[in-house]
Amino acid sequence: MNWRRVIDIVSLGGLAGAATSATFILVHEILTRDSSLDLWEFGVTLSVPSLIAVVIAIVTKTRFVILLPITYLTFFIPTLGAVFGSSGSEPFWQFAMLGLLGGLVWSLPFALWVGRLAR
């Protein structure tokens, strides 16, 4: 097992999760100023995880294929659930921390898989 590679992927997963959640909240706040989310606005918000995955993959020279599922899983499970269940008065950092935790959890299977292959 290549533990350095496992730690790298888990760290990048946490960063990707936090960035996905924080960027989604910012985009959501910008696009819903009129208290309605149109179809094109929903499409823009759905593209946030792929944009984050591309940017982090380019900056860190990591495989995009690993980061894309991590960002979308973080987007759907902790982030959207918290947004739909929130009152709207939660602080911004709370969503970023939730994304960080989601990214760490979702990156574990990918990190262990890659770490096992890179012996």
Protein backbone atom coordinates (compact mmCIF):
# COMPACT_ATOMS: atom_id res chain seq x y z
CA MET A 1 0.00 0.00 0.00
CA ASN A 2 1.36 3.41 -0.99
CA TRP A 3 0.28 5.48 2.02
CA ARG A 4 1.68 8.74 0.66
CA ARG A 5 -0.59 8.46 -2.39
CA VAL A 6 -3.57 7.61 -0.14
CA ILE A 7 -2.95 10.70 2.01
CA ASP A 8 -2.54 12.89 -1.10
CA ILE A 9 -5.86 11.77 -2.58
CA VAL A 10 -7.73 12.10 0.71
CA SER A 11 -6.32 15.63 1.14
CA LEU A 12 -7.28 16.58 -2.40
CA GLY A 13 -10.72 15.05 -1.86
CA GLY A 14 -11.23 17.20 1.22
CA LEU A 15 -10.09 20.29 -0.68
CA ALA A 16 -12.34 19.43 -3.62
CA GLY A 17 -15.31 18.84 -1.31
CA ALA A 18 -14.83 22.15 0.52
CA ALA A 19 -14.37 24.03 -2.75
CA THR A 20 -17.42 22.36 -4.30
CA SER A 21 -19.67 23.17 -1.37
CA ALA A 22 -18.40 26.74 -0.97
CA THR A 23 -18.63 27.50 -4.69
CA PHE A 24 -22.09 26.00 -4.93
CA ILE A 25 -23.33 28.17 -2.05
CA LEU A 26 -21.85 31.28 -3.67
CA VAL A 27 -23.33 30.48 -7.10
CA HIS A 28 -26.67 29.58 -5.52
CA GLU A 29 -26.78 32.88 -3.62
CA ILE A 30 -25.92 34.87 -6.75
CA LEU A 31 -28.49 33.11 -8.95
CA THR A 32 -31.41 33.08 -6.50
CA ARG A 33 -31.59 36.77 -5.71
CA ASP A 34 -35.15 36.76 -7.09
CA SER A 35 -36.11 33.76 -4.88
CA SER A 36 -36.58 31.43 -7.83
CA LEU A 37 -34.21 29.02 -9.52
CA ASP A 38 -34.88 28.74 -13.25
CA LEU A 39 -33.87 25.71 -15.29
CA TRP A 40 -30.77 27.36 -16.77
CA GLU A 41 -29.71 28.49 -13.31
CA PHE A 42 -30.10 24.95 -12.04
CA GLY A 43 -27.91 23.77 -14.93
CA VAL A 44 -25.23 26.26 -13.96
CA THR A 45 -25.28 25.06 -10.36
CA LEU A 46 -25.02 21.43 -11.52
CA SER A 47 -21.83 22.29 -13.42
CA VAL A 48 -20.04 23.57 -10.29
CA PRO A 49 -18.61 20.16 -9.23
CA SER A 50 -17.16 19.45 -12.67
CA LEU A 51 -15.60 22.92 -12.81
CA ILE A 52 -13.99 22.39 -9.39
CA ALA A 53 -12.72 18.94 -10.44
CA VAL A 54 -11.16 20.34 -13.61
CA VAL A 55 -9.47 23.25 -11.83
CA ILE A 56 -8.04 21.11 -9.02
CA ALA A 57 -6.92 18.41 -11.47
CA ILE A 58 -5.06 20.97 -13.56
CA VAL A 59 -3.48 22.79 -10.63
CA THR A 60 -2.37 19.64 -8.78
CA LYS A 61 -1.73 17.46 -11.86
CA THR A 62 -4.07 14.80 -10.50
CA ARG A 63 -6.31 12.57 -12.56
CA PHE A 64 -9.66 14.20 -13.32
CA VAL A 65 -11.34 10.78 -13.23
CA ILE A 66 -10.67 10.50 -9.49
CA LEU A 67 -11.80 14.02 -8.56
CA LEU A 68 -15.02 14.12 -10.60
CA PRO A 69 -16.93 11.45 -8.64
CA ILE A 70 -15.68 12.88 -5.36
CA THR A 71 -16.97 16.37 -6.19
CA TYR A 72 -20.35 15.15 -7.43
CA LEU A 73 -20.88 12.76 -4.51
CA THR A 74 -20.00 15.58 -2.10
CA PHE A 75 -22.34 17.89 -4.00
CA PHE A 76 -25.32 15.52 -3.87
CA ILE A 77 -25.06 13.93 -0.44
CA PRO A 78 -23.94 16.44 2.19
CA THR A 79 -24.24 19.75 0.32
CA LEU A 80 -27.65 19.53 -1.35
CA GLY A 81 -29.15 17.81 1.67
CA ALA A 82 -27.96 20.60 3.92
CA VAL A 83 -29.12 23.32 1.54
CA PHE A 84 -32.62 21.89 1.17
CA GLY A 85 -32.92 21.28 4.90
CA SER A 86 -31.51 24.60 6.03
CA SER A 87 -33.36 27.67 7.19
CA GLY A 88 -31.20 30.01 5.13
CA SER A 89 -29.54 31.69 8.09
CA GLU A 90 -26.63 29.25 8.43
CA PRO A 91 -23.12 30.69 8.16
CA PHE A 92 -21.09 30.18 4.99
CA TRP A 93 -18.24 28.39 6.77
CA GLN A 94 -20.66 25.68 7.93
CA PHE A 95 -21.28 24.59 4.34
CA ALA A 96 -17.56 24.70 3.55
CA MET A 97 -16.79 22.47 6.54
CA LEU A 98 -19.60 20.11 5.57
CA GLY A 99 -18.11 19.88 2.07
CA LEU A 100 -14.67 19.25 3.55
CA LEU A 101 -15.98 16.35 5.63
CA GLY A 102 -17.97 14.98 2.69
CA GLY A 103 -14.93 15.19 0.43
CA LEU A 104 -12.77 13.38 2.98
CA VAL A 105 -15.32 10.58 3.35
CA TRP A 106 -16.00 10.17 -0.38
CA SER A 107 -12.31 10.21 -1.26
CA LEU A 108 -11.42 7.29 1.03
CA PRO A 109 -12.53 4.46 -1.32
CA PHE A 110 -10.74 6.09 -4.28
CA ALA A 111 -7.60 6.73 -2.22
CA LEU A 112 -7.45 3.15 -0.97
CA TRP A 113 -8.03 1.83 -4.48
CA VAL A 114 -5.26 4.00 -6.00
CA GLY A 115 -2.93 3.34 -3.07
CA ARG A 116 -3.33 -0.38 -3.49
CA LEU A 117 -2.62 -0.19 -7.24
CA ALA A 118 0.51 1.95 -6.75
CA ARG A 119 2.61 -0.53 -4.78
